[in-house]
């Protein structure tokens, strides 16, 4: 039987049985984008971990930093 490898997250002593070399807890955290090396590119605004939508920013920060640059949906006549 092969030896179990430890989770590659620093300070974690659990076995790496969750995927990508992480334990189940840290693998779930990685999938949500909670670890420093997340599964998707994150917003470049400091402290924001949301996925990039455009120009290196998430939806919220792109709207803040580039007002009027997002395509608006056409309103339907009443």
C-alpha atoms as a PDB file:
ATOM      1  CA  UNK A   1       0.000   0.000   0.000  1.00  0.00           C
ATOM      2  CA  UNK A   2       1.496   3.403  -0.949  1.00  0.00           C
ATOM      3  CA  UNK A   3       2.393   5.852   1.765  1.00  0.00           C
ATOM      4  CA  UNK A   4      -0.003   8.709   2.301  1.00  0.00           C
ATOM      5  CA  UNK A   5       1.416  12.102   1.457  1.00  0.00           C
ATOM      6  CA  UNK A   6       0.756  15.104   3.679  1.00  0.00           C
ATOM      7  CA  UNK A   7      -1.325  18.059   2.511  1.00  0.00           C
ATOM      8  CA  UNK A   8       0.839  20.576   0.655  1.00  0.00           C
ATOM      9  CA  UNK A   9      -0.726  23.530   2.482  1.00  0.00           C
ATOM     10  CA  UNK A  10       1.812  24.768   5.031  1.00  0.00           C
ATOM     11  CA  UNK A  11       1.038  23.833   8.612  1.00  0.00           C
ATOM     12  CA  UNK A  12      -1.509  21.142   7.729  1.00  0.00           C
ATOM     13  CA  UNK A  13      -0.780  17.619   8.928  1.00  0.00           C
ATOM     14  CA  UNK A  14      -3.705  15.849   7.240  1.00  0.00           C
ATOM     15  CA  UNK A  15      -3.256  13.370   4.407  1.00  0.00           C
ATOM     16  CA  UNK A  16      -3.580  14.659   0.851  1.00  0.00           C
ATOM     17  CA  UNK A  17      -6.764  12.865  -0.184  1.00  0.00           C
ATOM     18  CA  UNK A  18      -8.790  15.786  -1.527  1.00  0.00           C
ATOM     19  CA  UNK A  19      -7.053  16.509  -4.835  1.00  0.00           C
ATOM     20  CA  UNK A  20      -4.208  18.660  -6.188  1.00  0.00           C
ATOM     21  CA  UNK A  21      -2.054  17.519  -3.257  1.00  0.00           C
ATOM     22  CA  UNK A  22      -4.363  19.079  -0.651  1.00  0.00           C
ATOM     23  CA  UNK A  23      -6.471  17.490   2.071  1.00  0.00           C
ATOM     24  CA  UNK A  24     -10.244  17.611   1.581  1.00  0.00           C
ATOM     25  CA  UNK A  25     -10.584  20.821   3.589  1.00  0.00           C
ATOM     26  CA  UNK A  26      -7.881  22.759   1.737  1.00  0.00           C
ATOM     27  CA  UNK A  27      -8.955  21.387  -1.651  1.00  0.00           C
ATOM     28  CA  UNK A  28     -12.471  22.768  -1.034  1.00  0.00           C
ATOM     29  CA  UNK A  29     -10.919  26.084   0.016  1.00  0.00           C
ATOM     30  CA  UNK A  30      -8.789  26.090  -3.153  1.00  0.00           C
ATOM     31  CA  UNK A  31     -11.875  25.461  -5.326  1.00  0.00           C
ATOM     32  CA  UNK A  32     -13.627  28.460  -3.752  1.00  0.00           C
ATOM     33  CA  UNK A  33     -10.580  30.644  -4.420  1.00  0.00           C
ATOM     34  CA  UNK A  34      -9.648  31.000  -0.765  1.00  0.00           C
ATOM     35  CA  UNK A  35      -5.988  29.987  -1.032  1.00  0.00           C
ATOM     36  CA  UNK A  36      -3.234  32.275  -2.328  1.00  0.00           C
ATOM     37  CA  UNK A  37      -2.880  30.144  -5.480  1.00  0.00           C
ATOM     38  CA  UNK A  38      -6.515  29.873  -6.500  1.00  0.00           C
ATOM     39  CA  UNK A  39      -8.000  27.922  -9.391  1.00  0.00           C
ATOM     40  CA  UNK A  40      -8.924  31.043 -11.353  1.00  0.00           C
ATOM     41  CA  UNK A  41      -7.273  34.384 -11.809  1.00  0.00           C
ATOM     42  CA  UNK A  42      -8.450  36.773  -9.137  1.00  0.00           C
ATOM     43  CA  UNK A  43      -9.184  40.485  -9.147  1.00  0.00           C
ATOM     44  CA  UNK A  44      -6.067  42.643  -8.963  1.00  0.00           C
ATOM     45  CA  UNK A  45      -7.577  44.925  -6.319  1.00  0.00           C
ATOM     46  CA  UNK A  46      -5.839  44.174  -3.037  1.00  0.00           C
ATOM     47  CA  UNK A  47      -7.825  41.885  -0.767  1.00  0.00           C
ATOM     48  CA  UNK A  48     -10.393  40.944  -3.422  1.00  0.00           C
ATOM     49  CA  UNK A  49     -10.536  37.249  -4.328  1.00  0.00           C
ATOM     50  CA  UNK A  50     -13.377  37.322  -6.858  1.00  0.00           C
ATOM     51  CA  UNK A  51     -12.793  35.958 -10.392  1.00  0.00           C
ATOM     52  CA  UNK A  52     -11.658  38.335 -13.137  1.00  0.00           C
ATOM     53  CA  UNK A  53     -14.356  39.526 -15.526  1.00  0.00           C
ATOM     54  CA  UNK A  54     -12.542  42.205 -17.519  1.00  0.00           C
ATOM     55  CA  UNK A  55      -9.309  44.206 -17.439  1.00  0.00           C
ATOM     56  CA  UNK A  56      -7.955  42.262 -14.481  1.00  0.00           C
ATOM     57  CA  UNK A  57     -10.863  43.190 -12.229  1.00  0.00           C
ATOM     58  CA  UNK A  58     -13.968  41.496 -10.905  1.00  0.00           C
ATOM     59  CA  UNK A  59     -17.419  42.686 -11.918  1.00  0.00           C
ATOM     60  CA  UNK A  60     -17.733  45.006  -8.909  1.00  0.00           C
ATOM     61  CA  UNK A  61     -14.337  46.697  -9.314  1.00  0.00           C
ATOM     62  CA  UNK A  62     -14.600  46.913 -13.112  1.00  0.00           C
ATOM     63  CA  UNK A  63     -17.859  48.846 -12.730  1.00  0.00           C
ATOM     64  CA  UNK A  64     -16.219  51.110 -10.147  1.00  0.00           C
ATOM     65  CA  UNK A  65     -12.959  51.730 -12.050  1.00  0.00           C
ATOM     66  CA  UNK A  66     -14.376  51.866 -15.580  1.00  0.00           C
ATOM     67  CA  UNK A  67     -17.855  53.401 -15.343  1.00  0.00           C
ATOM     68  CA  UNK A  68     -19.771  53.300 -18.586  1.00  0.00           C
ATOM     69  CA  UNK A  69     -17.488  50.687 -20.136  1.00  0.00           C
ATOM     70  CA  UNK A  70     -19.756  47.735 -19.375  1.00  0.00           C
ATOM     71  CA  UNK A  71     -22.416  46.970 -21.985  1.00  0.00           C
ATOM     72  CA  UNK A  72     -25.861  47.732 -20.633  1.00  0.00           C
ATOM     73  CA  UNK A  73     -28.891  45.616 -21.368  1.00  0.00           C
ATOM     74  CA  UNK A  74     -31.486  47.331 -23.544  1.00  0.00           C
ATOM     75  CA  UNK A  75     -34.589  48.164 -21.614  1.00  0.00           C
ATOM     76  CA  UNK A  76     -37.778  46.683 -22.956  1.00  0.00           C
ATOM     77  CA  UNK A  77     -40.628  49.134 -23.605  1.00  0.00           C
ATOM     78  CA  UNK A  78     -43.534  48.872 -21.186  1.00  0.00           C
END
